Amino acid sequence: QLATSPNGTTWTARAFPGTNGSFPGLASNGATGTAHRYVTVGGDFAQRPTGPLTRVSADAGATWSAATPTGAAGFLNSVAFGNGRFVAVGAGGTIIVSSDQLGTTWSAATLTATTPQAFNRVAFANGTFVAVGTSAASPNMGVIYTSSDGLTFTPRTSNATARSVLAVAHLSGAGGTAKWAAVTAATLGTSTTAAAPALILVSNDNGTTWTSSTAPTPAGVNLH
C-alpha cells in the first residue's frame, strides 16, 4: 500500500500497476516541474527472492507506471538518486542504474570484485554512492561498495566480520562532508560461540576506509 500527503496530516491511498508486491525503497530525483520523478523499488511476493519490481511516478506519486529493472537478479531493497541517475540494490548482489534522471530505463552496474550475496541499502551524498550488504562467504562478511558515477562500484574493507551491514547514512555537518556511518546485524551465537552485539562503522574519507566499534546494545540485537 502507498499513500501520499501534501501536508503530513491528510493522506490519499494510491494504486500500483500490479499489486502483488512490496516496495521498501523510495527516492526522488529532486527535479522541478515535468522532470520530477519518484522511483520505488521492491519485488513480487510470489517470486521472492527473485521477481524485482520498479515503479515510476511523474505526478508527485498520484499515479505510477511500471519500469523494467533490467539487470536485477532479485528482490530490490533500496534506491537512491545522485549525479543524474537512480541506483537500486538488492538480492543476488544486484546493483542496477537508470540511464537518466527519469528512472524508466535500467541496466546492471559494474562491480569490480566478486558479487556479494545481497545488498541491503544504498545512499548518495557528497558525490558518492555507498552500497552495503552481505558477502556470500562463510561466515558472512559485511560488504561496502562505493561509486562516484553509479556505473562502476569498488569494494571497500568494511571491518564487519561475521555481520551483514544493514544500513548506511551520510553524516551531514558531523566532522566534515566526507563522514559516513553504517550499522550491522548482531551475531546470534551457536552451540560453541556466544552471541555478540552489532557494530557501528564509520568512514571519514567519503566511504573509502572504515573503522568499526561495538554498539552499546545487547548481544543478538540488530541495528537498522
N, C-alpha and C. Protein backbone atom coordinates (compact mmCIF):
# COMPACT_ATOMS: atom_id res chain seq x y z
N GLN A 1 0.83 -1.19 0.00
CA GLN A 1 0.00 0.00 0.00
C GLN A 1 0.88 1.25 0.00
N LEU A 2 0.48 2.25 -0.80
CA LEU A 2 1.20 3.51 -0.83
C LEU A 2 0.20 4.64 -0.68
N ALA A 3 0.58 5.67 0.07
CA ALA A 3 -0.27 6.84 0.24
C ALA A 3 0.59 8.09 0.13
N THR A 4 -0.01 9.18 -0.33
CA THR A 4 0.69 10.46 -0.43
C THR A 4 -0.06 11.52 0.36
N SER A 5 0.70 12.54 0.76
CA SER A 5 0.11 13.62 1.54
C SER A 5 0.79 14.93 1.19
N PRO A 6 0.02 16.03 1.05
CA PRO A 6 0.63 17.33 0.80
C PRO A 6 1.10 18.02 2.07
N ASN A 7 0.67 17.49 3.24
CA ASN A 7 0.95 18.21 4.48
C ASN A 7 1.31 17.30 5.66
N GLY A 8 1.33 15.98 5.45
CA GLY A 8 1.63 15.07 6.53
C GLY A 8 0.47 14.75 7.43
N THR A 9 -0.68 15.37 7.19
CA THR A 9 -1.87 15.14 8.01
C THR A 9 -2.95 14.38 7.25
N THR A 10 -3.23 14.80 6.04
CA THR A 10 -4.24 14.15 5.21
C THR A 10 -3.57 13.29 4.16
N TRP A 11 -3.99 12.01 4.10
CA TRP A 11 -3.33 11.04 3.23
C TRP A 11 -4.32 10.44 2.23
N THR A 12 -3.82 10.18 1.02
CA THR A 12 -4.62 9.57 -0.04
C THR A 12 -3.96 8.28 -0.50
N ALA A 13 -4.70 7.18 -0.49
CA ALA A 13 -4.17 5.90 -0.96
C ALA A 13 -3.97 5.94 -2.47
N ARG A 14 -2.89 5.34 -2.93
CA ARG A 14 -2.57 5.28 -4.36
C ARG A 14 -2.44 3.82 -4.78
N ALA A 15 -2.64 3.58 -6.07
CA ALA A 15 -2.59 2.21 -6.59
C ALA A 15 -1.36 2.03 -7.47
N PHE A 16 -0.75 0.84 -7.37
CA PHE A 16 0.34 0.45 -8.25
C PHE A 16 -0.20 -0.42 -9.37
N PRO A 17 0.45 -0.39 -10.55
CA PRO A 17 0.14 -1.41 -11.56
C PRO A 17 0.74 -2.74 -11.12
N GLY A 18 -0.10 -3.73 -10.87
CA GLY A 18 0.40 -4.99 -10.32
C GLY A 18 0.62 -4.82 -8.83
N THR A 19 -0.21 -5.43 -8.01
CA THR A 19 -0.19 -5.13 -6.57
C THR A 19 0.41 -6.24 -5.72
N ASN A 20 0.82 -7.36 -6.30
CA ASN A 20 1.33 -8.48 -5.51
C ASN A 20 2.81 -8.28 -5.19
N GLY A 21 3.10 -7.20 -4.46
CA GLY A 21 4.50 -6.93 -4.19
C GLY A 21 4.70 -6.04 -2.99
N SER A 22 5.96 -5.87 -2.62
CA SER A 22 6.37 -4.98 -1.55
C SER A 22 7.40 -4.02 -2.12
N PHE A 23 7.36 -2.75 -1.68
CA PHE A 23 8.24 -1.72 -2.22
C PHE A 23 8.94 -0.98 -1.08
N PRO A 24 10.06 -1.51 -0.57
CA PRO A 24 10.73 -0.90 0.57
C PRO A 24 11.59 0.31 0.23
N GLY A 25 11.89 0.54 -1.06
CA GLY A 25 12.78 1.63 -1.43
C GLY A 25 12.06 2.74 -2.17
N LEU A 26 12.36 3.99 -1.84
CA LEU A 26 11.73 5.15 -2.49
C LEU A 26 12.75 6.27 -2.58
N ALA A 27 12.81 6.93 -3.75
CA ALA A 27 13.72 8.06 -3.93
C ALA A 27 13.13 9.05 -4.91
N SER A 28 13.54 10.29 -4.79
CA SER A 28 13.14 11.36 -5.70
C SER A 28 14.38 11.88 -6.42
N ASN A 29 14.19 12.37 -7.65
CA ASN A 29 15.33 12.95 -8.35
C ASN A 29 15.55 14.42 -8.01
N GLY A 30 14.64 14.99 -7.23
CA GLY A 30 14.81 16.36 -6.77
C GLY A 30 14.57 17.42 -7.82
N ALA A 31 14.15 17.02 -9.02
CA ALA A 31 13.91 17.98 -10.08
C ALA A 31 12.60 18.73 -9.85
N THR A 32 12.38 19.78 -10.61
CA THR A 32 11.14 20.54 -10.52
C THR A 32 10.37 20.42 -11.82
N GLY A 33 9.07 20.72 -11.76
CA GLY A 33 8.24 20.71 -12.96
C GLY A 33 8.07 19.32 -13.54
N THR A 34 8.00 19.26 -14.86
CA THR A 34 7.70 17.99 -15.54
C THR A 34 8.84 16.98 -15.47
N ALA A 35 10.01 17.40 -15.07
CA ALA A 35 11.15 16.48 -14.98
C ALA A 35 11.18 15.73 -13.65
N HIS A 36 10.34 16.11 -12.70
CA HIS A 36 10.39 15.45 -11.39
C HIS A 36 9.89 14.01 -11.48
N ARG A 37 10.60 13.10 -10.78
CA ARG A 37 10.21 11.70 -10.73
C ARG A 37 10.42 11.14 -9.31
N TYR A 38 9.47 10.28 -8.90
CA TYR A 38 9.68 9.37 -7.79
C TYR A 38 9.92 7.99 -8.37
N VAL A 39 10.84 7.24 -7.78
CA VAL A 39 11.05 5.84 -8.14
C VAL A 39 10.94 5.01 -6.86
N THR A 40 10.17 3.94 -6.92
CA THR A 40 10.10 3.00 -5.82
C THR A 40 10.48 1.62 -6.34
N VAL A 41 11.16 0.85 -5.49
CA VAL A 41 11.66 -0.47 -5.91
C VAL A 41 11.28 -1.52 -4.87
N GLY A 42 11.18 -2.77 -5.32
CA GLY A 42 10.85 -3.87 -4.43
C GLY A 42 10.83 -5.18 -5.16
N GLY A 43 9.80 -5.98 -4.89
CA GLY A 43 9.72 -7.27 -5.54
C GLY A 43 8.36 -7.91 -5.39
N ASP A 44 8.14 -8.94 -6.19
CA ASP A 44 6.90 -9.70 -6.20
C ASP A 44 6.95 -10.75 -5.10
N PHE A 45 5.98 -10.72 -4.19
CA PHE A 45 5.96 -11.69 -3.10
C PHE A 45 6.00 -13.12 -3.61
N ALA A 46 5.27 -13.39 -4.69
CA ALA A 46 5.16 -14.76 -5.18
C ALA A 46 6.47 -15.28 -5.74
N GLN A 47 7.40 -14.39 -6.08
CA GLN A 47 8.66 -14.80 -6.69
C GLN A 47 9.89 -14.52 -5.83
N ARG A 48 9.69 -13.98 -4.62
CA ARG A 48 10.82 -13.64 -3.77
C ARG A 48 11.68 -14.87 -3.49
N PRO A 49 13.04 -14.80 -3.54
CA PRO A 49 13.84 -13.58 -3.59
C PRO A 49 14.08 -13.02 -4.99
N THR A 50 13.48 -13.62 -6.02
CA THR A 50 13.60 -13.04 -7.35
C THR A 50 12.41 -12.11 -7.59
N GLY A 51 12.08 -11.85 -8.84
CA GLY A 51 10.92 -11.02 -9.14
C GLY A 51 11.07 -9.55 -8.80
N PRO A 52 12.17 -8.88 -9.22
CA PRO A 52 12.34 -7.46 -8.90
C PRO A 52 11.28 -6.60 -9.58
N LEU A 53 10.89 -5.52 -8.91
CA LEU A 53 9.88 -4.60 -9.44
C LEU A 53 10.37 -3.16 -9.29
N THR A 54 10.04 -2.34 -10.30
CA THR A 54 10.35 -0.92 -10.27
C THR A 54 9.14 -0.14 -10.75
N ARG A 55 8.78 0.93 -10.04
CA ARG A 55 7.65 1.77 -10.40
C ARG A 55 8.09 3.22 -10.41
N VAL A 56 7.51 4.01 -11.33
CA VAL A 56 7.91 5.41 -11.52
C VAL A 56 6.66 6.30 -11.50
N SER A 57 6.77 7.44 -10.83
CA SER A 57 5.68 8.43 -10.83
C SER A 57 6.19 9.77 -11.33
N ALA A 58 5.43 10.37 -12.24
CA ALA A 58 5.77 11.68 -12.79
C ALA A 58 4.82 12.76 -12.29
N ASP A 59 3.92 12.40 -11.35
CA ASP A 59 2.94 13.37 -10.86
C ASP A 59 2.85 13.36 -9.33
N ALA A 60 4.01 13.42 -8.71
CA ALA A 60 4.11 13.51 -7.25
C ALA A 60 3.47 12.34 -6.53
N GLY A 61 3.49 11.16 -7.15
CA GLY A 61 3.01 9.95 -6.50
C GLY A 61 1.55 9.64 -6.70
N ALA A 62 0.84 10.44 -7.48
CA ALA A 62 -0.59 10.19 -7.70
C ALA A 62 -0.82 8.95 -8.54
N THR A 63 -0.04 8.78 -9.59
CA THR A 63 -0.14 7.58 -10.43
C THR A 63 1.25 7.03 -10.68
N TRP A 64 1.31 5.71 -10.95
CA TRP A 64 2.58 5.02 -11.09
C TRP A 64 2.56 4.13 -12.32
N SER A 65 3.71 4.03 -12.98
CA SER A 65 3.85 3.13 -14.12
C SER A 65 5.01 2.18 -13.88
N ALA A 66 4.93 1.01 -14.50
CA ALA A 66 5.98 0.01 -14.34
C ALA A 66 7.16 0.33 -15.23
N ALA A 67 8.35 0.09 -14.71
CA ALA A 67 9.59 0.16 -15.48
C ALA A 67 10.30 -1.18 -15.33
N THR A 68 10.95 -1.64 -16.38
CA THR A 68 11.62 -2.94 -16.34
C THR A 68 12.99 -2.81 -15.69
N PRO A 69 13.23 -3.50 -14.55
CA PRO A 69 14.53 -3.40 -13.86
C PRO A 69 15.58 -4.31 -14.49
N THR A 70 15.93 -4.03 -15.74
CA THR A 70 16.92 -4.84 -16.46
C THR A 70 18.23 -4.92 -15.67
N GLY A 71 18.74 -6.14 -15.52
CA GLY A 71 19.99 -6.34 -14.81
C GLY A 71 19.82 -6.74 -13.37
N ALA A 72 18.58 -6.69 -12.85
CA ALA A 72 18.34 -7.06 -11.45
C ALA A 72 18.23 -8.57 -11.31
N ALA A 73 18.98 -9.14 -10.36
CA ALA A 73 18.97 -10.58 -10.16
C ALA A 73 17.95 -11.01 -9.12
N GLY A 74 17.40 -10.07 -8.36
CA GLY A 74 16.46 -10.45 -7.32
C GLY A 74 15.75 -9.25 -6.73
N PHE A 75 15.00 -9.50 -5.67
CA PHE A 75 14.22 -8.51 -4.95
C PHE A 75 15.07 -7.26 -4.67
N LEU A 76 14.51 -6.08 -4.94
CA LEU A 76 15.24 -4.83 -4.74
C LEU A 76 14.90 -4.24 -3.37
N ASN A 77 15.92 -3.86 -2.63
CA ASN A 77 15.74 -3.41 -1.25
C ASN A 77 15.80 -1.90 -1.06
N SER A 78 16.46 -1.19 -1.97
CA SER A 78 16.73 0.22 -1.70
C SER A 78 17.06 0.94 -3.01
N VAL A 79 16.81 2.25 -3.05
CA VAL A 79 17.11 3.06 -4.22
C VAL A 79 17.55 4.45 -3.76
N ALA A 80 18.48 5.04 -4.50
CA ALA A 80 18.96 6.39 -4.21
C ALA A 80 19.16 7.13 -5.52
N PHE A 81 19.17 8.46 -5.45
CA PHE A 81 19.40 9.27 -6.65
C PHE A 81 20.60 10.17 -6.43
N GLY A 82 21.45 10.28 -7.47
CA GLY A 82 22.58 11.18 -7.42
C GLY A 82 23.29 11.25 -8.75
N ASN A 83 23.96 12.36 -9.01
CA ASN A 83 24.72 12.54 -10.25
C ASN A 83 23.90 12.21 -11.50
N GLY A 84 22.62 12.57 -11.46
CA GLY A 84 21.79 12.46 -12.65
C GLY A 84 21.20 11.09 -12.92
N ARG A 85 21.26 10.16 -11.95
CA ARG A 85 20.70 8.82 -12.16
C ARG A 85 20.26 8.17 -10.86
N PHE A 86 19.32 7.24 -10.99
CA PHE A 86 18.91 6.42 -9.86
C PHE A 86 19.79 5.17 -9.81
N VAL A 87 20.07 4.70 -8.60
CA VAL A 87 20.76 3.43 -8.38
C VAL A 87 19.93 2.62 -7.40
N ALA A 88 19.65 1.35 -7.76
CA ALA A 88 18.89 0.45 -6.89
C ALA A 88 19.72 -0.79 -6.59
N VAL A 89 19.53 -1.35 -5.39
CA VAL A 89 20.31 -2.51 -4.97
C VAL A 89 19.38 -3.57 -4.38
N GLY A 90 19.87 -4.84 -4.36
CA GLY A 90 19.03 -5.89 -3.81
C GLY A 90 19.68 -7.25 -3.77
N ALA A 91 18.82 -8.26 -3.77
CA ALA A 91 19.25 -9.65 -3.65
C ALA A 91 20.09 -10.08 -4.85
N GLY A 92 20.86 -11.14 -4.64
CA GLY A 92 21.70 -11.64 -5.72
C GLY A 92 22.86 -10.73 -6.06
N GLY A 93 23.22 -9.83 -5.14
CA GLY A 93 24.30 -8.89 -5.42
C GLY A 93 23.96 -7.87 -6.47
N THR A 94 22.66 -7.56 -6.59
CA THR A 94 22.20 -6.65 -7.65
C THR A 94 22.54 -5.20 -7.36
N ILE A 95 23.12 -4.53 -8.34
CA ILE A 95 23.14 -3.07 -8.41
C ILE A 95 22.73 -2.70 -9.84
N ILE A 96 21.62 -1.98 -9.97
CA ILE A 96 21.20 -1.52 -11.29
C ILE A 96 21.14 0.00 -11.29
N VAL A 97 21.29 0.58 -12.46
CA VAL A 97 21.37 2.03 -12.59
C VAL A 97 20.49 2.49 -13.74
N SER A 98 19.80 3.61 -13.54
CA SER A 98 18.97 4.16 -14.61
C SER A 98 19.83 4.94 -15.58
N SER A 99 19.37 5.03 -16.82
CA SER A 99 20.15 5.71 -17.86
C SER A 99 20.11 7.23 -17.70
N ASP A 100 19.11 7.74 -16.96
CA ASP A 100 18.99 9.19 -16.78
C ASP A 100 18.18 9.46 -15.52
N GLN A 101 17.75 10.69 -15.35
CA GLN A 101 17.04 11.08 -14.13
C GLN A 101 15.57 10.69 -14.13
N LEU A 102 15.08 10.07 -15.20
CA LEU A 102 13.67 9.73 -15.30
C LEU A 102 13.34 8.35 -14.74
N GLY A 103 14.31 7.48 -14.62
CA GLY A 103 14.12 6.20 -13.94
C GLY A 103 13.34 5.15 -14.71
N THR A 104 13.24 5.29 -16.02
CA THR A 104 12.44 4.33 -16.78
C THR A 104 13.28 3.24 -17.45
N THR A 105 14.53 3.51 -17.74
CA THR A 105 15.41 2.54 -18.41
C THR A 105 16.57 2.20 -17.50
N TRP A 106 16.78 0.87 -17.28
CA TRP A 106 17.76 0.41 -16.31
C TRP A 106 18.73 -0.60 -16.92
N SER A 107 19.91 -0.69 -16.32
CA SER A 107 20.90 -1.70 -16.71
C SER A 107 21.75 -2.04 -15.50
N ALA A 108 22.49 -3.14 -15.59
CA ALA A 108 23.33 -3.56 -14.47
C ALA A 108 24.56 -2.67 -14.37
N ALA A 109 24.90 -2.28 -13.14
CA ALA A 109 26.16 -1.59 -12.90
C ALA A 109 27.30 -2.60 -12.89
N THR A 110 28.53 -2.11 -12.96
CA THR A 110 29.71 -2.96 -12.94
C THR A 110 30.29 -3.01 -11.53
N LEU A 111 30.52 -4.22 -11.02
CA LEU A 111 31.19 -4.41 -9.74
C LEU A 111 32.60 -4.91 -10.02
N THR A 112 33.59 -4.26 -9.42
CA THR A 112 34.98 -4.59 -9.73
C THR A 112 35.54 -5.71 -8.86
N ALA A 113 34.66 -6.51 -8.24
CA ALA A 113 35.09 -7.66 -7.44
C ALA A 113 33.95 -8.65 -7.40
N THR A 114 34.16 -9.78 -6.70
CA THR A 114 33.16 -10.83 -6.61
C THR A 114 31.83 -10.28 -6.14
N THR A 115 30.74 -10.70 -6.79
CA THR A 115 29.42 -10.22 -6.45
C THR A 115 29.00 -10.70 -5.06
N PRO A 116 28.55 -9.80 -4.18
CA PRO A 116 28.09 -10.21 -2.85
C PRO A 116 26.80 -11.02 -2.92
N GLN A 117 26.42 -11.58 -1.78
CA GLN A 117 25.17 -12.32 -1.69
C GLN A 117 23.97 -11.40 -1.83
N ALA A 118 24.03 -10.22 -1.21
CA ALA A 118 22.91 -9.29 -1.26
C ALA A 118 23.36 -7.90 -0.85
N PHE A 119 22.71 -6.90 -1.43
CA PHE A 119 22.86 -5.52 -0.96
C PHE A 119 21.59 -5.13 -0.23
N ASN A 120 21.76 -4.50 0.94
CA ASN A 120 20.61 -4.13 1.76
C ASN A 120 20.18 -2.68 1.58
N ARG A 121 21.14 -1.77 1.43
CA ARG A 121 20.82 -0.35 1.31
C ARG A 121 21.83 0.34 0.40
N VAL A 122 21.37 1.45 -0.19
CA VAL A 122 22.26 2.34 -0.93
C VAL A 122 21.89 3.78 -0.58
N ALA A 123 22.91 4.62 -0.51
CA ALA A 123 22.68 6.04 -0.23
C ALA A 123 23.61 6.86 -1.10
N PHE A 124 23.25 8.13 -1.29
CA PHE A 124 24.09 9.04 -2.08
C PHE A 124 24.25 10.34 -1.33
N ALA A 125 25.48 10.84 -1.28
CA ALA A 125 25.79 12.15 -0.72
C ALA A 125 27.22 12.49 -1.06
N ASN A 126 27.53 13.77 -1.07
CA ASN A 126 28.90 14.24 -1.27
C ASN A 126 29.54 13.63 -2.51
N GLY A 127 28.74 13.47 -3.57
CA GLY A 127 29.26 12.95 -4.84
C GLY A 127 29.52 11.47 -4.88
N THR A 128 29.01 10.71 -3.88
CA THR A 128 29.35 9.29 -3.78
C THR A 128 28.13 8.44 -3.46
N PHE A 129 27.98 7.32 -4.18
CA PHE A 129 27.03 6.28 -3.82
C PHE A 129 27.75 5.30 -2.89
N VAL A 130 27.08 4.89 -1.81
CA VAL A 130 27.59 3.85 -0.92
C VAL A 130 26.54 2.76 -0.81
N ALA A 131 26.90 1.53 -1.18
CA ALA A 131 26.00 0.38 -1.10
C ALA A 131 26.54 -0.60 -0.08
N VAL A 132 25.66 -1.12 0.77
CA VAL A 132 26.10 -2.02 1.84
C VAL A 132 25.28 -3.31 1.81
N GLY A 133 25.90 -4.40 2.29
CA GLY A 133 25.20 -5.67 2.27
C GLY A 133 25.98 -6.79 2.91
N THR A 134 25.86 -7.98 2.30
CA THR A 134 26.41 -9.21 2.86
C THR A 134 27.16 -9.98 1.79
N SER A 135 28.31 -10.53 2.14
CA SER A 135 29.07 -11.35 1.20
C SER A 135 28.51 -12.76 1.16
N ALA A 136 28.91 -13.50 0.15
CA ALA A 136 28.49 -14.90 0.03
C ALA A 136 29.44 -15.84 0.75
N ALA A 137 30.50 -15.30 1.34
CA ALA A 137 31.50 -16.13 2.03
C ALA A 137 30.93 -16.63 3.36
N SER A 138 31.56 -17.62 3.92
CA SER A 138 31.15 -18.15 5.22
C SER A 138 32.33 -18.03 6.19
N PRO A 139 32.17 -17.37 7.38
CA PRO A 139 30.92 -16.72 7.81
C PRO A 139 30.68 -15.45 7.01
N ASN A 140 29.39 -15.07 6.91
CA ASN A 140 29.04 -13.89 6.13
C ASN A 140 29.79 -12.66 6.63
N MET A 141 30.35 -11.93 5.68
CA MET A 141 31.11 -10.72 5.99
C MET A 141 30.36 -9.53 5.44
N GLY A 142 30.23 -8.48 6.23
CA GLY A 142 29.59 -7.28 5.71
C GLY A 142 30.40 -6.69 4.58
N VAL A 143 29.72 -6.19 3.56
CA VAL A 143 30.40 -5.59 2.42
C VAL A 143 29.95 -4.15 2.24
N ILE A 144 30.87 -3.33 1.73
CA ILE A 144 30.61 -1.94 1.39
C ILE A 144 31.24 -1.66 0.04
N TYR A 145 30.44 -1.12 -0.88
CA TYR A 145 30.93 -0.72 -2.20
C TYR A 145 30.65 0.76 -2.39
N THR A 146 31.55 1.46 -3.11
CA THR A 146 31.33 2.87 -3.39
C THR A 146 31.48 3.15 -4.88
N SER A 147 30.85 4.26 -5.31
CA SER A 147 30.92 4.67 -6.71
C SER A 147 30.70 6.17 -6.80
N SER A 148 31.44 6.81 -7.68
CA SER A 148 31.25 8.25 -7.91
C SER A 148 30.22 8.53 -9.00
N ASP A 149 29.99 7.55 -9.87
CA ASP A 149 29.09 7.78 -11.01
C ASP A 149 27.87 6.87 -11.03
N GLY A 150 27.81 5.87 -10.15
CA GLY A 150 26.69 4.93 -10.16
C GLY A 150 26.81 3.84 -11.19
N LEU A 151 27.85 3.87 -11.99
CA LEU A 151 28.04 2.90 -13.06
C LEU A 151 29.03 1.80 -12.68
N THR A 152 30.08 2.16 -11.96
CA THR A 152 31.11 1.20 -11.54
C THR A 152 31.31 1.30 -10.04
N PHE A 153 31.21 0.16 -9.34
CA PHE A 153 31.31 0.12 -7.88
C PHE A 153 32.56 -0.63 -7.45
N THR A 154 33.26 -0.07 -6.47
CA THR A 154 34.51 -0.61 -5.96
C THR A 154 34.32 -1.10 -4.53
N PRO A 155 34.77 -2.31 -4.20
CA PRO A 155 34.63 -2.81 -2.82
C PRO A 155 35.58 -2.10 -1.87
N ARG A 156 35.10 -1.92 -0.64
CA ARG A 156 35.92 -1.35 0.43
C ARG A 156 35.96 -2.34 1.60
N THR A 157 36.99 -2.28 2.39
CA THR A 157 37.09 -3.16 3.56
C THR A 157 36.15 -2.64 4.64
N SER A 158 35.15 -3.46 4.99
CA SER A 158 34.12 -2.99 5.92
C SER A 158 34.51 -3.15 7.38
N ASN A 159 35.38 -4.12 7.67
CA ASN A 159 35.72 -4.47 9.06
C ASN A 159 34.48 -4.92 9.84
N ALA A 160 33.52 -5.52 9.13
CA ALA A 160 32.31 -6.04 9.76
C ALA A 160 32.35 -7.57 9.69
N THR A 161 33.20 -8.16 10.51
CA THR A 161 33.39 -9.61 10.48
C THR A 161 32.14 -10.34 10.95
N ALA A 162 31.70 -11.32 10.15
CA ALA A 162 30.59 -12.20 10.50
C ALA A 162 29.28 -11.44 10.74
N ARG A 163 29.14 -10.27 10.13
CA ARG A 163 27.92 -9.48 10.30
C ARG A 163 27.54 -8.83 8.98
N SER A 164 26.28 -8.88 8.64
CA SER A 164 25.77 -8.16 7.48
C SER A 164 25.65 -6.68 7.80
N VAL A 165 26.03 -5.82 6.85
CA VAL A 165 25.82 -4.38 7.01
C VAL A 165 24.40 -4.07 6.55
N LEU A 166 23.59 -3.52 7.44
CA LEU A 166 22.16 -3.38 7.18
C LEU A 166 21.74 -1.99 6.72
N ALA A 167 22.47 -0.95 7.10
CA ALA A 167 22.06 0.41 6.75
C ALA A 167 23.26 1.32 6.71
N VAL A 168 23.12 2.42 5.95
CA VAL A 168 24.21 3.39 5.80
C VAL A 168 23.62 4.78 5.64
N ALA A 169 24.34 5.78 6.15
CA ALA A 169 23.87 7.16 6.03
C ALA A 169 25.05 8.11 6.02
N HIS A 170 24.88 9.23 5.33
CA HIS A 170 25.87 10.29 5.32
C HIS A 170 25.62 11.20 6.52
N LEU A 171 26.69 11.57 7.23
CA LEU A 171 26.56 12.40 8.42
C LEU A 171 26.83 13.85 8.06
N SER A 172 25.83 14.52 7.58
CA SER A 172 25.96 15.90 7.15
C SER A 172 26.27 16.81 8.33
N GLY A 173 27.34 17.59 8.19
CA GLY A 173 27.70 18.55 9.21
C GLY A 173 28.37 17.95 10.43
N ALA A 174 28.62 16.63 10.39
CA ALA A 174 29.24 15.98 11.54
C ALA A 174 30.68 15.59 11.20
N GLY A 175 31.61 16.43 11.53
CA GLY A 175 33.01 16.12 11.29
C GLY A 175 33.43 16.29 9.84
N GLY A 176 32.71 17.12 9.08
CA GLY A 176 33.06 17.35 7.69
C GLY A 176 32.15 16.61 6.73
N THR A 177 32.17 17.02 5.46
CA THR A 177 31.24 16.46 4.48
C THR A 177 31.58 15.05 4.06
N ALA A 178 32.76 14.53 4.40
CA ALA A 178 33.19 13.21 3.94
C ALA A 178 32.85 12.10 4.93
N LYS A 179 32.06 12.38 5.96
CA LYS A 179 31.82 11.40 7.01
C LYS A 179 30.55 10.59 6.76
N TRP A 180 30.69 9.26 6.87
CA TRP A 180 29.58 8.33 6.72
C TRP A 180 29.54 7.40 7.92
N ALA A 181 28.36 6.82 8.18
CA ALA A 181 28.21 5.80 9.21
C ALA A 181 27.34 4.68 8.69
N ALA A 182 27.63 3.46 9.13
CA ALA A 182 26.84 2.28 8.77
C ALA A 182 26.67 1.43 10.01
N VAL A 183 25.62 0.60 10.01
CA VAL A 183 25.37 -0.28 11.16
C VAL A 183 25.14 -1.70 10.66
N THR A 184 25.34 -2.66 11.55
CA THR A 184 25.32 -4.06 11.15
C THR A 184 24.29 -4.87 11.95
N ALA A 185 24.13 -6.10 11.51
CA ALA A 185 23.41 -7.09 12.31
C ALA A 185 24.30 -7.52 13.46
N ALA A 186 23.69 -8.09 14.49
CA ALA A 186 24.43 -8.72 15.57
C ALA A 186 24.69 -10.18 15.19
N THR A 187 25.48 -10.86 15.98
CA THR A 187 25.63 -12.30 15.81
C THR A 187 24.81 -13.00 16.88
N LEU A 188 24.11 -14.06 16.49
CA LEU A 188 23.18 -14.74 17.40
C LEU A 188 23.83 -15.80 18.25
N GLY A 189 25.01 -16.23 17.86
CA GLY A 189 25.69 -17.26 18.62
C GLY A 189 25.26 -18.66 18.20
N THR A 190 26.07 -19.62 18.57
CA THR A 190 25.81 -21.02 18.26
C THR A 190 26.04 -21.86 19.52
N SER A 191 26.05 -23.16 19.34
CA SER A 191 26.31 -24.04 20.49
C SER A 191 27.73 -23.89 21.01
N THR A 192 28.61 -23.33 20.19
CA THR A 192 30.01 -23.20 20.60
C THR A 192 30.50 -21.76 20.68
N THR A 193 29.70 -20.80 20.20
CA THR A 193 30.10 -19.39 20.25
C THR A 193 29.00 -18.55 20.87
N ALA A 194 29.40 -17.52 21.58
CA ALA A 194 28.43 -16.64 22.23
C ALA A 194 27.90 -15.60 21.25
N ALA A 195 26.68 -15.13 21.50
CA ALA A 195 26.13 -14.02 20.71
C ALA A 195 26.95 -12.76 20.98
N ALA A 196 26.95 -11.85 20.00
CA ALA A 196 27.73 -10.62 20.14
C ALA A 196 26.91 -9.44 19.62
N PRO A 197 27.19 -8.23 20.10
CA PRO A 197 26.43 -7.06 19.66
C PRO A 197 26.73 -6.68 18.21
N ALA A 198 25.90 -5.82 17.70
CA ALA A 198 26.10 -5.24 16.37
C ALA A 198 27.30 -4.30 16.40
N LEU A 199 27.71 -3.85 15.21
CA LEU A 199 28.83 -2.93 15.07
C LEU A 199 28.36 -1.61 14.48
N ILE A 200 29.06 -0.55 14.81
CA ILE A 200 28.90 0.75 14.17
C ILE A 200 30.16 1.02 13.36
N LEU A 201 29.98 1.28 12.07
CA LEU A 201 31.10 1.52 11.16
C LEU A 201 31.14 2.99 10.79
N VAL A 202 32.32 3.57 10.75
CA VAL A 202 32.46 4.99 10.45
C VAL A 202 33.55 5.19 9.40
N SER A 203 33.26 6.06 8.43
CA SER A 203 34.25 6.47 7.43
C SER A 203 34.41 7.98 7.48
N ASN A 204 35.65 8.44 7.49
CA ASN A 204 35.94 9.87 7.48
C ASN A 204 36.49 10.35 6.14
N ASP A 205 36.54 9.44 5.15
CA ASP A 205 37.12 9.81 3.86
C ASP A 205 36.17 9.44 2.71
N ASN A 206 34.89 9.72 2.91
CA ASN A 206 33.87 9.55 1.88
C ASN A 206 33.69 8.10 1.45
N GLY A 207 33.81 7.18 2.42
CA GLY A 207 33.50 5.78 2.16
C GLY A 207 34.66 4.91 1.73
N THR A 208 35.86 5.45 1.67
CA THR A 208 37.00 4.67 1.20
C THR A 208 37.50 3.71 2.27
N THR A 209 37.70 4.19 3.49
CA THR A 209 38.13 3.32 4.59
C THR A 209 37.14 3.43 5.74
N TRP A 210 37.03 2.31 6.48
CA TRP A 210 36.02 2.23 7.55
C TRP A 210 36.65 1.66 8.82
N THR A 211 36.25 2.18 9.97
CA THR A 211 36.63 1.63 11.25
C THR A 211 35.37 1.12 11.95
N SER A 212 35.52 0.13 12.81
CA SER A 212 34.36 -0.45 13.48
C SER A 212 34.50 -0.34 14.99
N SER A 213 33.36 -0.21 15.64
CA SER A 213 33.31 -0.25 17.10
C SER A 213 32.06 -1.01 17.51
N THR A 214 32.09 -1.61 18.68
CA THR A 214 30.96 -2.39 19.15
C THR A 214 29.84 -1.47 19.62
N ALA A 215 28.63 -1.73 19.16
CA ALA A 215 27.49 -0.91 19.54
C ALA A 215 27.12 -1.15 21.00
N PRO A 216 26.63 -0.11 21.69
CA PRO A 216 26.23 -0.27 23.10
C PRO A 216 24.83 -0.84 23.21
N THR A 217 24.61 -1.97 22.56
CA THR A 217 23.31 -2.63 22.53
C THR A 217 23.48 -4.09 22.95
N PRO A 218 22.40 -4.75 23.37
CA PRO A 218 22.53 -6.16 23.79
C PRO A 218 22.99 -7.05 22.66
N ALA A 219 23.65 -8.13 23.02
CA ALA A 219 24.04 -9.13 22.04
C ALA A 219 22.80 -9.71 21.37
N GLY A 220 22.91 -9.92 20.07
CA GLY A 220 21.79 -10.50 19.32
C GLY A 220 20.80 -9.50 18.79
N VAL A 221 20.99 -8.19 19.07
CA VAL A 221 20.06 -7.14 18.61
C VAL A 221 20.64 -6.45 17.38
N ASN A 222 19.91 -6.49 16.27
CA ASN A 222 20.38 -5.85 15.05
C ASN A 222 20.15 -4.34 15.10
N LEU A 223 20.99 -3.60 14.36
CA LEU A 223 20.82 -2.17 14.19
C LEU A 223 20.40 -1.87 12.76
N HIS A 224 19.45 -0.95 12.62
CA HIS A 224 18.98 -0.56 11.30
C HIS A 224 19.04 0.96 11.12
